[in-house]
Every structure is written in C-alpha cells, then in structure tokens.
PDB file of N, CA and C in Angstrom:
ATOM      1  N   MET A   1      98.035 111.029  78.592  1.00  0.00           N
ATOM      2  CA  MET A   1      98.920 110.289  77.720  1.00  0.00           C
ATOM      3  C   MET A   1     100.322 110.191  78.330  1.00  0.00           C
ATOM      4  N   ALA A   2     100.790 111.290  78.908  1.00  0.00           N
ATOM      5  CA  ALA A   2     102.119 111.282  79.526  1.00  0.00           C
ATOM      6  C   ALA A   2     102.152 110.330  80.716  1.00  0.00           C
ATOM      7  N   SER A   3     101.079 110.319  81.499  1.00  0.00           N
ATOM      8  CA  SER A   3     101.014 109.409  82.653  1.00  0.00           C
ATOM      9  C   SER A   3     101.060 107.961  82.198  1.00  0.00           C
ATOM     10  N   ARG A   4     100.352 107.665  81.125  1.00  0.00           N
ATOM     11  CA  ARG A   4     100.336 106.302  80.599  1.00  0.00           C
ATOM     12  C   ARG A   4     101.732 105.900  80.125  1.00  0.00           C
ATOM     13  N   SER A   5     102.423 106.820  79.471  1.00  0.00           N
ATOM     14  CA  SER A   5     103.784 106.544  79.004  1.00  0.00           C
ATOM     15  C   SER A   5     104.729 106.308  80.180  1.00  0.00           C
ATOM     16  N   LEU A   6     104.577 107.134  81.219  1.00  0.00           N
ATOM     17  CA  LEU A   6     105.418 106.964  82.413  1.00  0.00           C
ATOM     18  C   LEU A   6     105.159 105.609  83.050  1.00  0.00           C
ATOM     19  N   LEU A   7     103.888 105.229  83.190  1.00  0.00           N
ATOM     20  CA  LEU A   7     103.553 103.920  83.776  1.00  0.00           C
ATOM     21  C   LEU A   7     104.119 102.773  82.937  1.00  0.00           C
ATOM     22  N   ASP A   8     104.070 102.921  81.618  1.00  0.00           N
ATOM     23  CA  ASP A   8     104.644 101.892  80.736  1.00  0.00           C
ATOM     24  C   ASP A   8     106.142 101.748  80.971  1.00  0.00           C
ATOM     25  N   GLU A   9     106.833 102.871  81.069  1.00  0.00           N
ATOM     26  CA  GLU A   9     108.278 102.833  81.295  1.00  0.00           C
ATOM     27  C   GLU A   9     108.604 102.278  82.686  1.00  0.00           C
ATOM     28  N   GLN A  10     107.822 102.674  83.682  1.00  0.00           N
ATOM     29  CA  GLN A  10     108.056 102.176  85.043  1.00  0.00           C
ATOM     30  C   GLN A  10     107.837 100.672  85.121  1.00  0.00           C
ATOM     31  N   SER A  11     106.875 100.149  84.351  1.00  0.00           N
ATOM     32  CA  SER A  11     106.601  98.711  84.392  1.00  0.00           C
ATOM     33  C   SER A  11     107.770  97.897  83.842  1.00  0.00           C
ATOM     34  N   LYS A  12     108.649  98.519  83.071  1.00  0.00           N
ATOM     35  CA  LYS A  12     109.807  97.827  82.509  1.00  0.00           C
ATOM     36  C   LYS A  12     110.989  97.766  83.475  1.00  0.00           C
ATOM     37  N   LEU A  13     110.918  98.561  84.534  1.00  0.00           N
ATOM     38  CA  LEU A  13     112.038  98.621  85.484  1.00  0.00           C
ATOM     39  C   LEU A  13     112.101  97.374  86.356  1.00  0.00           C
ATOM     40  N   ILE A  14     113.306  96.971  86.676  1.00  0.00           N
ATOM     41  CA  ILE A  14     113.519  95.854  87.592  1.00  0.00           C
ATOM     42  C   ILE A  14     113.953  96.443  88.920  1.00  0.00           C
ATOM     43  N   ASP A  15     113.197  96.161  89.969  1.00  0.00           N
ATOM     44  CA  ASP A  15     113.462  96.666  91.321  1.00  0.00           C
ATOM     45  C   ASP A  15     113.620  98.188  91.339  1.00  0.00           C
ATOM     46  N   PRO A  16     112.558  98.908  90.985  1.00  0.00           N
ATOM     47  CA  PRO A  16     112.649 100.373  90.942  1.00  0.00           C
ATOM     48  C   PRO A  16     112.872 100.994  92.324  1.00  0.00           C
ATOM     49  N   ILE A  17     113.631 102.061  92.337  1.00  0.00           N
ATOM     50  CA  ILE A  17     113.937 102.771  93.580  1.00  0.00           C
ATOM     51  C   ILE A  17     112.664 103.360  94.179  1.00  0.00           C
ATOM     52  N   SER A  18     111.807 103.928  93.330  1.00  0.00           N
ATOM     53  CA  SER A  18     110.593 104.582  93.836  1.00  0.00           C
ATOM     54  C   SER A  18     109.715 103.599  94.607  1.00  0.00           C
ATOM     55  N   LYS A  19     109.629 102.386  94.151  1.00  0.00           N
ATOM     56  CA  LYS A  19     108.819 101.378  94.854  1.00  0.00           C
ATOM     57  C   LYS A  19     109.403 101.106  96.239  1.00  0.00           C
ATOM     58  N   ARG A  20     110.718 101.022  96.329  1.00  0.00           N
ATOM     59  CA  ARG A  20     111.354 100.779  97.633  1.00  0.00           C
ATOM     60  C   ARG A  20     111.158 101.960  98.571  1.00  0.00           C
ATOM     61  N   VAL A  21     111.223 103.187  98.038  1.00  0.00           N
ATOM     62  CA  VAL A  21     111.026 104.381  98.865  1.00  0.00           C
ATOM     63  C   VAL A  21     109.607 104.394  99.418  1.00  0.00           C
ATOM     64  N   TRP A  22     108.610 104.222  98.548  1.00  0.00           N
ATOM     65  CA  TRP A  22     107.213 104.256  99.009  1.00  0.00           C
ATOM     66  C   TRP A  22     106.910 103.092  99.943  1.00  0.00           C
ATOM     67  N   ASN A  23     107.473 101.920  99.693  1.00  0.00           N
ATOM     68  CA  ASN A  23     107.255 100.785 100.605  1.00  0.00           C
ATOM     69  C   ASN A  23     107.819 101.089 101.989  1.00  0.00           C
ATOM     70  N   ALA A  24     108.963 101.765 102.057  1.00  0.00           N
ATOM     71  CA  ALA A  24     109.541 102.132 103.356  1.00  0.00           C
ATOM     72  C   ALA A  24     108.664 103.154 104.074  1.00  0.00           C
ATOM     73  N   ILE A  25     108.130 104.120 103.334  1.00  0.00           N
ATOM     74  CA  ILE A  25     107.269 105.140 103.933  1.00  0.00           C
ATOM     75  C   ILE A  25     105.967 104.526 104.446  1.00  0.00           C
ATOM     76  N   LEU A  26     105.423 103.569 103.738  1.00  0.00           N
ATOM     77  CA  LEU A  26     104.129 102.980 104.079  1.00  0.00           C
ATOM     78  C   LEU A  26     104.237 101.695 104.897  1.00  0.00           C
ATOM     79  N   GLU A  27     105.441 101.313 105.283  1.00  0.00           N
ATOM     80  CA  GLU A  27     105.670 100.050 105.983  1.00  0.00           C
ATOM     81  C   GLU A  27     104.835  99.938 107.264  1.00  0.00           C
ATOM     82  N   PRO A  28     104.154  98.798 107.443  1.00  0.00           N
ATOM     83  CA  PRO A  28     103.368  98.614 108.668  1.00  0.00           C
ATOM     84  C   PRO A  28     104.262  98.356 109.878  1.00  0.00           C
ATOM     85  N   LEU A  29     103.704  98.600 111.041  1.00  0.00           N
ATOM     86  CA  LEU A  29     104.407  98.283 112.285  1.00  0.00           C
ATOM     87  C   LEU A  29     104.431  96.772 112.469  1.00  0.00           C
ATOM     88  N   ASP A  30     105.306  96.287 113.328  1.00  0.00           N
ATOM     89  CA  ASP A  30     105.337  94.856 113.625  1.00  0.00           C
ATOM     90  C   ASP A  30     103.973  94.432 114.171  1.00  0.00           C
ATOM     91  N   GLY A  31     103.447  93.338 113.670  1.00  0.00           N
ATOM     92  CA  GLY A  31     102.167  92.826 114.134  1.00  0.00           C
ATOM     93  C   GLY A  31     100.970  93.476 113.461  1.00  0.00           C
ATOM     94  N   GLU A  32     101.212  94.473 112.645  1.00  0.00           N
ATOM     95  CA  GLU A  32     100.125  95.161 111.954  1.00  0.00           C
ATOM     96  C   GLU A  32      99.923  94.489 110.603  1.00  0.00           C
ATOM     97  N   ALA A  33      98.680  94.256 110.252  1.00  0.00           N
ATOM     98  CA  ALA A  33      98.397  93.612 108.974  1.00  0.00           C
ATOM     99  C   ALA A  33      97.274  94.344 108.265  1.00  0.00           C
ATOM    100  N   ARG A  34      97.297  94.288 106.955  1.00  0.00           N
ATOM    101  CA  ARG A  34      96.210  94.872 106.166  1.00  0.00           C
ATOM    102  C   ARG A  34      95.211  93.759 105.872  1.00  0.00           C
ATOM    103  N   PHE A  35      93.963  94.100 105.927  1.00  0.00           N
ATOM    104  CA  PHE A  35      92.955  93.109 105.575  1.00  0.00           C
ATOM    105  C   PHE A  35      91.825  93.795 104.837  1.00  0.00           C
ATOM    106  N   GLY A  36      91.148  93.024 104.042  1.00  0.00           N
ATOM    107  CA  GLY A  36      90.010  93.551 103.292  1.00  0.00           C
ATOM    108  C   GLY A  36      88.764  92.790 103.675  1.00  0.00           C
ATOM    109  N   ALA A  37      87.661  93.303 103.266  1.00  0.00           N
ATOM    110  CA  ALA A  37      86.387  92.657 103.553  1.00  0.00           C
ATOM    111  C   ALA A  37      86.291  91.353 102.770  1.00  0.00           C
ATOM    112  N   LEU A  38      85.739  90.354 103.402  1.00  0.00           N
ATOM    113  CA  LEU A  38      85.553  89.078 102.734  1.00  0.00           C
ATOM    114  C   LEU A  38      84.275  89.069 101.904  1.00  0.00           C
ATOM    115  N   GLU A  39      83.359  89.959 102.245  1.00  0.00           N
ATOM    116  CA  GLU A  39      82.093  90.043 101.525  1.00  0.00           C
ATOM    117  C   GLU A  39      82.082  91.304 100.656  1.00  0.00           C
ATOM    118  N   PRO A  40      81.605  91.196  99.419  1.00  0.00           N
ATOM    119  CA  PRO A  40      81.524  92.396  98.577  1.00  0.00           C
ATOM    120  C   PRO A  40      80.630  93.459  99.234  1.00  0.00           C
ATOM    121  N   GLY A  41      81.064  94.706  99.172  1.00  0.00           N
ATOM    122  CA  GLY A  41      80.284  95.799  99.724  1.00  0.00           C
ATOM    123  C   GLY A  41      80.445  96.005 101.217  1.00  0.00           C
ATOM    124  N   LYS A  42      81.185  95.135 101.882  1.00  0.00           N
ATOM    125  CA  LYS A  42      81.386  95.267 103.318  1.00  0.00           C
ATOM    126  C   LYS A  42      82.764  95.880 103.558  1.00  0.00           C
ATOM    127  N   PHE A  43      82.861  96.736 104.565  1.00  0.00           N
ATOM    128  CA  PHE A  43      84.148  97.332 104.878  1.00  0.00           C
ATOM    129  C   PHE A  43      84.341  97.354 106.385  1.00  0.00           C
ATOM    130  N   TYR A  44      85.564  97.573 106.791  1.00  0.00           N
ATOM    131  CA  TYR A  44      85.902  97.650 108.199  1.00  0.00           C
ATOM    132  C   TYR A  44      86.490  99.024 108.489  1.00  0.00           C
ATOM    133  N   ALA A  45      86.155  99.545 109.642  1.00  0.00           N
ATOM    134  CA  ALA A  45      86.749 100.813 110.058  1.00  0.00           C
ATOM    135  C   ALA A  45      88.246 100.597 110.242  1.00  0.00           C
ATOM    136  N   GLN A  46      89.013 101.605 109.905  1.00  0.00           N
ATOM    137  CA  GLN A  46      90.465 101.494 109.980  1.00  0.00           C
ATOM    138  C   GLN A  46      91.017 102.645 110.803  1.00  0.00           C
ATOM    139  N   ASN A  47      91.997 102.346 111.619  1.00  0.00           N
ATOM    140  CA  ASN A  47      92.696 103.374 112.367  1.00  0.00           C
ATOM    141  C   ASN A  47      93.325 104.328 111.356  1.00  0.00           C
ATOM    142  N   PRO A  48      93.112 105.637 111.502  1.00  0.00           N
ATOM    143  CA  PRO A  48      93.691 106.577 110.527  1.00  0.00           C
ATOM    144  C   PRO A  48      95.204 106.428 110.385  1.00  0.00           C
ATOM    145  N   GLU A  49      95.882 106.089 111.469  1.00  0.00           N
ATOM    146  CA  GLU A  49      97.337 105.953 111.408  1.00  0.00           C
ATOM    147  C   GLU A  49      97.777 104.781 110.543  1.00  0.00           C
ATOM    148  N   ALA A  50      96.861 103.870 110.250  1.00  0.00           N
ATOM    149  CA  ALA A  50      97.213 102.707 109.442  1.00  0.00           C
ATOM    150  C   ALA A  50      97.011 102.950 107.951  1.00  0.00           C
ATOM    151  N   CYS A  51      96.461 104.095 107.573  1.00  0.00           N
ATOM    152  CA  CYS A  51      96.208 104.325 106.152  1.00  0.00           C
ATOM    153  C   CYS A  51      97.437 104.959 105.481  1.00  0.00           C
ATOM    154  N   ASP A  52      97.534 104.723 104.195  1.00  0.00           N
ATOM    155  CA  ASP A  52      98.684 105.205 103.426  1.00  0.00           C
ATOM    156  C   ASP A  52      98.795 106.729 103.439  1.00  0.00           C
ATOM    157  N   LEU A  53      97.666 107.417 103.364  1.00  0.00           N
ATOM    158  CA  LEU A  53      97.688 108.881 103.349  1.00  0.00           C
ATOM    159  C   LEU A  53      98.305 109.429 104.633  1.00  0.00           C
ATOM    160  N   PHE A  54      97.925 108.870 105.771  1.00  0.00           N
ATOM    161  CA  PHE A  54      98.466 109.335 107.046  1.00  0.00           C
ATOM    162  C   PHE A  54      99.977 109.106 107.092  1.00  0.00           C
ATOM    163  N   ARG A  55     100.412 107.944 106.669  1.00  0.00           N
ATOM    164  CA  ARG A  55     101.848 107.620 106.713  1.00  0.00           C
ATOM    165  C   ARG A  55     102.645 108.475 105.739  1.00  0.00           C
ATOM    166  N   MET A  56     102.029 108.801 104.614  1.00  0.00           N
ATOM    167  CA  MET A  56     102.684 109.694 103.672  1.00  0.00           C
ATOM    168  C   MET A  56     102.812 111.091 104.290  1.00  0.00           C
ATOM    169  N   LEU A  57     101.765 111.537 104.989  1.00  0.00           N
ATOM    170  CA  LEU A  57     101.817 112.842 105.648  1.00  0.00           C
ATOM    171  C   LEU A  57     102.906 112.899 106.710  1.00  0.00           C
ATOM    172  N   VAL A  58     103.099 111.811 107.451  1.00  0.00           N
ATOM    173  CA  VAL A  58     104.170 111.774 108.452  1.00  0.00           C
ATOM    174  C   VAL A  58     105.496 112.057 107.780  1.00  0.00           C
ATOM    175  N   TYR A  59     105.732 111.383 106.660  1.00  0.00           N
ATOM    176  CA  TYR A  59     107.008 111.574 105.972  1.00  0.00           C
ATOM    177  C   TYR A  59     107.138 112.983 105.400  1.00  0.00           C
ATOM    178  N   LEU A  60     106.088 113.463 104.747  1.00  0.00           N
ATOM    179  CA  LEU A  60     106.159 114.788 104.131  1.00  0.00           C
ATOM    180  C   LEU A  60     106.291 115.892 105.175  1.00  0.00           C
ATOM    181  N   LYS A  61     105.717 115.703 106.357  1.00  0.00           N
ATOM    182  CA  LYS A  61     105.754 116.727 107.396  1.00  0.00           C
ATOM    183  C   LYS A  61     107.065 116.708 108.180  1.00  0.00           C
ATOM    184  N   HIS A  62     107.550 115.500 108.508  1.00  0.00           N
ATOM    185  CA  HIS A  62     108.697 115.401 109.416  1.00  0.00           C
ATOM    186  C   HIS A  62     109.946 114.772 108.800  1.00  0.00           C
ATOM    187  N   GLY A  63     109.828 114.189 107.610  1.00  0.00           N
ATOM    188  CA  GLY A  63     110.993 113.591 106.969  1.00  0.00           C
ATOM    189  C   GLY A  63     111.420 112.270 107.579  1.00  0.00           C
ATOM    190  N   VAL A  64     110.514 111.629 108.322  1.00  0.00           N
ATOM    191  CA  VAL A  64     110.777 110.309 108.898  1.00  0.00           C
ATOM    192  C   VAL A  64     109.581 109.421 108.591  1.00  0.00           C
ATOM    193  N   THR A  65     109.801 108.118 108.599  1.00  0.00           N
ATOM    194  CA  THR A  65     108.692 107.204 108.370  1.00  0.00           C
ATOM    195  C   THR A  65     107.836 107.119 109.626  1.00  0.00           C
ATOM    196  N   PHE A  66     106.609 106.687 109.459  1.00  0.00           N
ATOM    197  CA  PHE A  66     105.708 106.485 110.597  1.00  0.00           C
ATOM    198  C   PHE A  66     106.335 105.514 111.591  1.00  0.00           C
ATOM    199  N   ARG A  67     106.907 104.453 111.052  1.00  0.00           N
ATOM    200  CA  ARG A  67     107.560 103.439 111.897  1.00  0.00           C
ATOM    201  C   ARG A  67     108.650 104.075 112.758  1.00  0.00           C
ATOM    202  N   SER A  68     109.490 104.918 112.156  1.00  0.00           N
ATOM    203  CA  SER A  68     110.558 105.598 112.902  1.00  0.00           C
ATOM    204  C   SER A  68     109.996 106.535 113.955  1.00  0.00           C
ATOM    205  N   LEU A  69     108.933 107.250 113.606  1.00  0.00           N
ATOM    206  CA  LEU A  69     108.318 108.171 114.557  1.00  0.00           C
ATOM    207  C   LEU A  69     107.764 107.419 115.760  1.00  0.00           C
ATOM    208  N   ILE A  70     107.090 106.317 115.534  1.00  0.00           N
ATOM    209  CA  ILE A  70     106.525 105.531 116.641  1.00  0.00           C
ATOM    210  C   ILE A  70     107.635 104.954 117.502  1.00  0.00           C
ATOM    211  N   LEU A  71     108.694 104.455 116.888  1.00  0.00           N
ATOM    212  CA  LEU A  71     109.817 103.928 117.674  1.00  0.00           C
ATOM    213  C   LEU A  71     110.472 105.033 118.496  1.00  0.00           C
ATOM    214  N   ASP A  72     110.552 106.234 117.928  1.00  0.00           N
ATOM    215  CA  ASP A  72     111.100 107.377 118.650  1.00  0.00           C
ATOM    216  C   ASP A  72     110.217 107.741 119.846  1.00  0.00           C
ATOM    217  N   ILE A  73     108.910 107.717 119.640  1.00  0.00           N
ATOM    218  CA  ILE A  73     107.974 108.030 120.726  1.00  0.00           C
ATOM    219  C   ILE A  73     108.096 107.000 121.847  1.00  0.00           C
ATOM    220  N   GLU A  74     108.307 105.739 121.492  1.00  0.00           N
ATOM    221  CA  GLU A  74     108.470 104.688 122.506  1.00  0.00           C
ATOM    222  C   GLU A  74     109.698 104.946 123.378  1.00  0.00           C
ATOM    223  N   LYS A  75     110.753 105.474 122.770  1.00  0.00           N
ATOM    224  CA  LYS A  75     111.994 105.745 123.511  1.00  0.00           C
ATOM    225  C   LYS A  75     111.959 107.087 124.224  1.00  0.00           C
ATOM    226  N   ASN A  76     111.320 108.075 123.565  1.00  0.00           N
ATOM    227  CA  ASN A  76     111.377 109.441 124.051  1.00  0.00           C
ATOM    228  C   ASN A  76     110.036 110.108 123.750  1.00  0.00           C
ATOM    229  N   HIS A  77     109.270 110.374 124.755  1.00  0.00           N
ATOM    230  CA  HIS A  77     107.924 110.918 124.553  1.00  0.00           C
ATOM    231  C   HIS A  77     107.926 112.333 123.989  1.00  0.00           C
ATOM    232  N   ASN A  78     109.082 112.941 123.803  1.00  0.00           N
ATOM    233  CA  ASN A  78     109.149 114.284 123.216  1.00  0.00           C
ATOM    234  C   ASN A  78     108.713 114.282 121.757  1.00  0.00           C
ATOM    235  N   GLY A  79     108.711 113.114 121.108  1.00  0.00           N
ATOM    236  CA  GLY A  79     108.294 113.018 119.712  1.00  0.00           C
ATOM    237  C   GLY A  79     106.782 112.986 119.541  1.00  0.00           C
ATOM    238  N   TYR A  80     106.045 112.859 120.629  1.00  0.00           N
ATOM    239  CA  TYR A  80     104.590 112.740 120.554  1.00  0.00           C
ATOM    240  C   TYR A  80     103.912 113.945 119.896  1.00  0.00           C
ATOM    241  N   PRO A  81     104.333 115.186 120.159  1.00  0.00           N
ATOM    242  CA  PRO A  81     103.699 116.326 119.478  1.00  0.00           C
ATOM    243  C   PRO A  81     103.797 116.251 117.953  1.00  0.00           C
ATOM    244  N   LYS A  82     104.817 115.604 117.433  1.00  0.00           N
ATOM    245  CA  LYS A  82     104.927 115.433 115.981  1.00  0.00           C
ATOM    246  C   LYS A  82     103.764 114.585 115.458  1.00  0.00           C
ATOM    247  N   LEU A  83     103.427 113.531 116.199  1.00  0.00           N
ATOM    248  CA  LEU A  83     102.320 112.667 115.801  1.00  0.00           C
ATOM    249  C   LEU A  83     101.003 113.438 115.847  1.00  0.00           C
ATOM    250  N   ILE A  84     100.816 114.222 116.879  1.00  0.00           N
ATOM    251  CA  ILE A  84      99.600 115.028 117.019  1.00  0.00           C
ATOM    252  C   ILE A  84      99.498 116.039 115.868  1.00  0.00           C
ATOM    253  N   ALA A  85     100.623 116.632 115.476  1.00  0.00           N
ATOM    254  CA  ALA A  85     100.625 117.597 114.368  1.00  0.00           C
ATOM    255  C   ALA A  85     100.170 116.936 113.069  1.00  0.00           C
ATOM    256  N   VAL A  86     100.572 115.688 112.853  1.00  0.00           N
ATOM    257  CA  VAL A  86     100.147 114.975 111.647  1.00  0.00           C
ATOM    258  C   VAL A  86      98.653 114.694 111.721  1.00  0.00           C
ATOM    259  N   HIS A  87      98.155 114.332 112.902  1.00  0.00           N
ATOM    260  CA  HIS A  87      96.711 114.111 113.057  1.00  0.00           C
ATOM    261  C   HIS A  87      95.935 115.384 112.709  1.00  0.00           C
ATOM    262  N   ARG A  88      96.433 116.528 113.133  1.00  0.00           N
ATOM    263  CA  ARG A  88      95.759 117.800 112.816  1.00  0.00           C
ATOM    264  C   ARG A  88      95.744 118.040 111.306  1.00  0.00           C
ATOM    265  N   ASP A  89      96.879 117.815 110.653  1.00  0.00           N
ATOM    266  CA  ASP A  89      96.944 118.009 109.202  1.00  0.00           C
ATOM    267  C   ASP A  89      96.057 117.000 108.469  1.00  0.00           C
ATOM    268  N   TYR A  90      96.036 115.783 108.935  1.00  0.00           N
ATOM    269  CA  TYR A  90      95.201 114.731 108.346  1.00  0.00           C
ATOM    270  C   TYR A  90      93.727 115.149 108.421  1.00  0.00           C
ATOM    271  N   ASP A  91      93.320 115.671 109.570  1.00  0.00           N
ATOM    272  CA  ASP A  91      91.950 116.133 109.742  1.00  0.00           C
ATOM    273  C   ASP A  91      91.658 117.309 108.811  1.00  0.00           C
ATOM    274  N   ARG A  92      92.563 118.259 108.721  1.00  0.00           N
ATOM    275  CA  ARG A  92      92.381 119.412 107.830  1.00  0.00           C
ATOM    276  C   ARG A  92      92.221 118.969 106.381  1.00  0.00           C
ATOM    277  N   LEU A  93      92.996 117.969 105.998  1.00  0.00           N
ATOM    278  CA  LEU A  93      92.951 117.461 104.635  1.00  0.00           C
ATOM    279  C   LEU A  93      91.631 116.743 104.358  1.00  0.00           C
ATOM    280  N   LEU A  94      91.229 115.855 105.263  1.00  0.00           N
ATOM    281  CA  LEU A  94      90.009 115.073 105.049  1.00  0.00           C
ATOM    282  C   LEU A  94      88.743 115.920 105.117  1.00  0.00           C
ATOM    283  N   THR A  95      88.743 116.932 105.954  1.00  0.00           N
ATOM    284  CA  THR A  95      87.552 117.770 106.093  1.00  0.00           C
ATOM    285  C   THR A  95      87.508 118.894 105.064  1.00  0.00           C
ATOM    286  N   GLY A  96      88.535 118.998 104.246  1.00  0.00           N
ATOM    287  CA  GLY A  96      88.566 120.007 103.208  1.00  0.00           C
ATOM    288  C   GLY A  96      88.940 121.398 103.698  1.00  0.00           C
ATOM    289  N   LYS A  97      89.389 121.501 104.933  1.00  0.00           N
ATOM    290  CA  LYS A  97      89.788 122.806 105.463  1.00  0.00           C
ATOM    291  C   LYS A  97      91.047 123.317 104.777  1.00  0.00           C
ATOM    292  N   LYS A  98      91.909 122.381 104.361  1.00  0.00           N
ATOM    293  CA  LYS A  98      93.144 122.745 103.654  1.00  0.00           C
ATOM    294  C   LYS A  98      93.416 121.695 102.593  1.00  0.00           C
ATOM    295  N   PRO A  99      93.906 122.120 101.434  1.00  0.00           N
ATOM    296  CA  PRO A  99      94.351 121.143 100.438  1.00  0.00           C
ATOM    297  C   PRO A  99      95.757 120.672 100.801  1.00  0.00           C
ATOM    298  N   LEU A 100      96.210 119.614 100.184  1.00  0.00           N
ATOM    299  CA  LEU A 100      97.550 119.087 100.468  1.00  0.00           C
ATOM    300  C   LEU A 100      98.604 120.171 100.298  1.00  0.00           C
ATOM    301  N   GLY A 101      98.472 120.982  99.271  1.00  0.00           N
ATOM    302  CA  GLY A 101      99.431 122.052  99.030  1.00  0.00           C
ATOM    303  C   GLY A 101      99.348 123.186 100.042  1.00  0.00           C
ATOM    304  N   GLY A 102      98.281 123.248 100.815  1.00  0.00           N
ATOM    305  CA  GLY A 102      98.107 124.296 101.808  1.00  0.00           C
ATOM    306  C   GLY A 102      98.617 123.935 103.189  1.00  0.00           C
ATOM    307  N   LEU A 103      99.043 122.690 103.367  1.00  0.00           N
ATOM    308  CA  LEU A 103      99.569 122.257 104.663  1.00  0.00           C
ATOM    309  C   LEU A 103     101.032 122.661 104.793  1.00  0.00           C
ATOM    310  N   ARG A 104     101.464 122.913 106.014  1.00  0.00           N
ATOM    311  CA  ARG A 104     102.871 123.252 106.252  1.00  0.00           C
ATOM    312  C   ARG A 104     103.662 121.952 106.376  1.00  0.00           C
ATOM    313  N   LEU A 105     104.289 121.560 105.284  1.00  0.00           N
ATOM    314  CA  LEU A 105     105.029 120.305 105.220  1.00  0.00           C
ATOM    315  C   LEU A 105     106.494 120.587 104.921  1.00  0.00           C
ATOM    316  N   LYS A 106     107.327 119.675 105.340  1.00  0.00           N
ATOM    317  CA  LYS A 106     108.761 119.785 105.065  1.00  0.00           C
ATOM    318  C   LYS A 106     109.035 119.558 103.575  1.00  0.00           C
ATOM    319  N   PHE A 107     108.264 118.641 102.973  1.00  0.00           N
ATOM    320  CA  PHE A 107     108.436 118.302 101.561  1.00  0.00           C
ATOM    321  C   PHE A 107     107.129 118.523 100.811  1.00  0.00           C
ATOM    322  N   ASN A 108     107.224 119.058  99.610  1.00  0.00           N
ATOM    323  CA  ASN A 108     106.080 119.198  98.726  1.00  0.00           C
ATOM    324  C   ASN A 108     105.831 117.840  98.071  1.00  0.00           C
ATOM    325  N   TYR A 109     104.590 117.357  98.117  1.00  0.00           N
ATOM    326  CA  TYR A 109     104.274 116.031  97.591  1.00  0.00           C
ATOM    327  C   TYR A 109     104.631 115.888  96.112  1.00  0.00           C
ATOM    328  N   ASP A 110     104.213 116.850  95.303  1.00  0.00           N
ATOM    329  CA  ASP A 110     104.483 116.751  93.861  1.00  0.00           C
ATOM    330  C   ASP A 110     105.984 116.717  93.578  1.00  0.00           C
ATOM    331  N   HIS A 111     106.719 117.591  94.217  1.00  0.00           N
ATOM    332  CA  HIS A 111     108.171 117.633  94.013  1.00  0.00           C
ATOM    333  C   HIS A 111     108.821 116.337  94.492  1.00  0.00           C
ATOM    334  N   PHE A 112     108.432 115.878  95.672  1.00  0.00           N
ATOM    335  CA  PHE A 112     109.001 114.648  96.218  1.00  0.00           C
ATOM    336  C   PHE A 112     108.719 113.466  95.288  1.00  0.00           C
ATOM    337  N   SER A 113     107.482 113.352  94.824  1.00  0.00           N
ATOM    338  CA  SER A 113     107.115 112.243  93.928  1.00  0.00           C
ATOM    339  C   SER A 113     107.918 112.274  92.644  1.00  0.00           C
ATOM    340  N   LEU A 114     108.062 113.460  92.058  1.00  0.00           N
ATOM    341  CA  LEU A 114     108.842 113.577  90.822  1.00  0.00           C
ATOM    342  C   LEU A 114     110.300 113.209  91.042  1.00  0.00           C
ATOM    343  N   MET A 115     110.862 113.642  92.159  1.00  0.00           N
ATOM    344  CA  MET A 115     112.268 113.333  92.446  1.00  0.00           C
ATOM    345  C   MET A 115     112.458 111.827  92.640  1.00  0.00           C
ATOM    346  N   VAL A 116     111.552 111.196  93.368  1.00  0.00           N
ATOM    347  CA  VAL A 116     111.658 109.750  93.606  1.00  0.00           C
ATOM    348  C   VAL A 116     111.510 108.992  92.294  1.00  0.00           C
ATOM    349  N   GLN A 117     110.545 109.393  91.472  1.00  0.00           N
ATOM    350  CA  GLN A 117     110.389 108.741  90.170  1.00  0.00           C
ATOM    351  C   GLN A 117     111.621 108.983  89.298  1.00  0.00           C
ATOM    352  N   GLY A 118     112.186 110.174  89.404  1.00  0.00           N
ATOM    353  CA  GLY A 118     113.373 110.492  88.625  1.00  0.00           C
ATOM    354  C   GLY A 118     114.566 109.620  88.959  1.00  0.00           C
ATOM    355  N   LEU A 119     114.648 109.169  90.206  1.00  0.00           N
ATOM    356  CA  LEU A 119     115.753 108.279  90.599  1.00  0.00           C
ATOM    357  C   LEU A 119     115.745 106.986  89.781  1.00  0.00           C
ATOM    358  N   ASP A 120     114.548 106.535  89.408  1.00  0.00           N
ATOM    359  CA  ASP A 120     114.447 105.317  88.597  1.00  0.00           C
ATOM    360  C   ASP A 120     114.980 105.510  87.176  1.00  0.00           C
ATOM    361  N   PHE A 121     115.057 106.762  86.760  1.00  0.00           N
ATOM    362  CA  PHE A 121     115.460 107.040  85.388  1.00  0.00           C
ATOM    363  C   PHE A 121     116.778 107.798  85.303  1.00  0.00           C
ATOM    364  N   GLY A 122     117.610 107.669  86.334  1.00  0.00           N
ATOM    365  CA  GLY A 122     118.959 108.217  86.289  1.00  0.00           C
ATOM    366  C   GLY A 122     119.113 109.642  86.775  1.00  0.00           C
ATOM    367  N   LEU A 123     118.176 110.166  87.537  1.00  0.00           N
ATOM    368  CA  LEU A 123     118.271 111.540  88.034  1.00  0.00           C
ATOM    369  C   LEU A 123     119.536 111.766  88.847  1.00  0.00           C
ATOM    370  N   GLU A 124     119.983 110.767  89.593  1.00  0.00           N
ATOM    371  CA  GLU A 124     121.171 110.935  90.436  1.00  0.00           C
ATOM    372  C   GLU A 124     122.432 111.186  89.608  1.00  0.00           C
ATOM    373  N   ASN A 125     122.379 110.821  88.343  1.00  0.00           N
ATOM    374  CA  ASN A 125     123.530 111.055  87.473  1.00  0.00           C
ATOM    375  C   ASN A 125     123.498 112.446  86.899  1.00  0.00           C
TER     376      ASN A 125
END
C-alpha cells in the first residue's frame, strides 16, 4: 500500500530529480541502442555491460556512471580494474553467491534509492 501511494505521488511530479539521476546512471554509450524482439517470445542475447543492473552496480560500487568509467578507461587504462571488479560483483549477484547487500559497494542500494526519491519531496530542505 505504501509503495502504491509513493508511486501515485511520484506520478504527480513534473520533471522529478530521481528520474534524472537514474537516467544519468543508466545512460547508454554513444552509438549504443536498446532494442527488443520483434517476435513475441523471441529474445536477443545482451552484453552484460548494457543492462541496467550492471550500470547500477558501477555507480553503487565506484560512485561514477558507466559512461564516465568507460571514458576514463579510454583516457587512462588504470581505471580498467574498476570495470573488472564490477564484472565480478555482477557474476556473484547473478549466480546467487552474494546478495546485493552482501557486496562491497560504496553506496547501499536501499539507502541511495530512498535518498534520491527523497530529493523529489524536499529532502534537500
């Protein structure tokens, strides 16, 4: 019931901050596009780095967007171990070896989500 109430209130917002934050975290690279199957029941394999969960993990682990991390790696290969660390955590999460709360992340997902949602409702004040 509380989730439904929150969604109702969020739907009334004009240009919510949380939407802009999540869009920045999940932003595709230049030339990258999302596509879906044209036929019902058909799917396409997707690069793990292109999925929302992976990009969210990049932000929660390192405090930078996937886009920023890739641009950093292009300029300075010292950032590459950060990408590998996210791949390891992504694998641990998908294989059930660790839950999201069991990963060593810079930001806690639940706390981060609540804070971002709170910005839409005047938390900064």
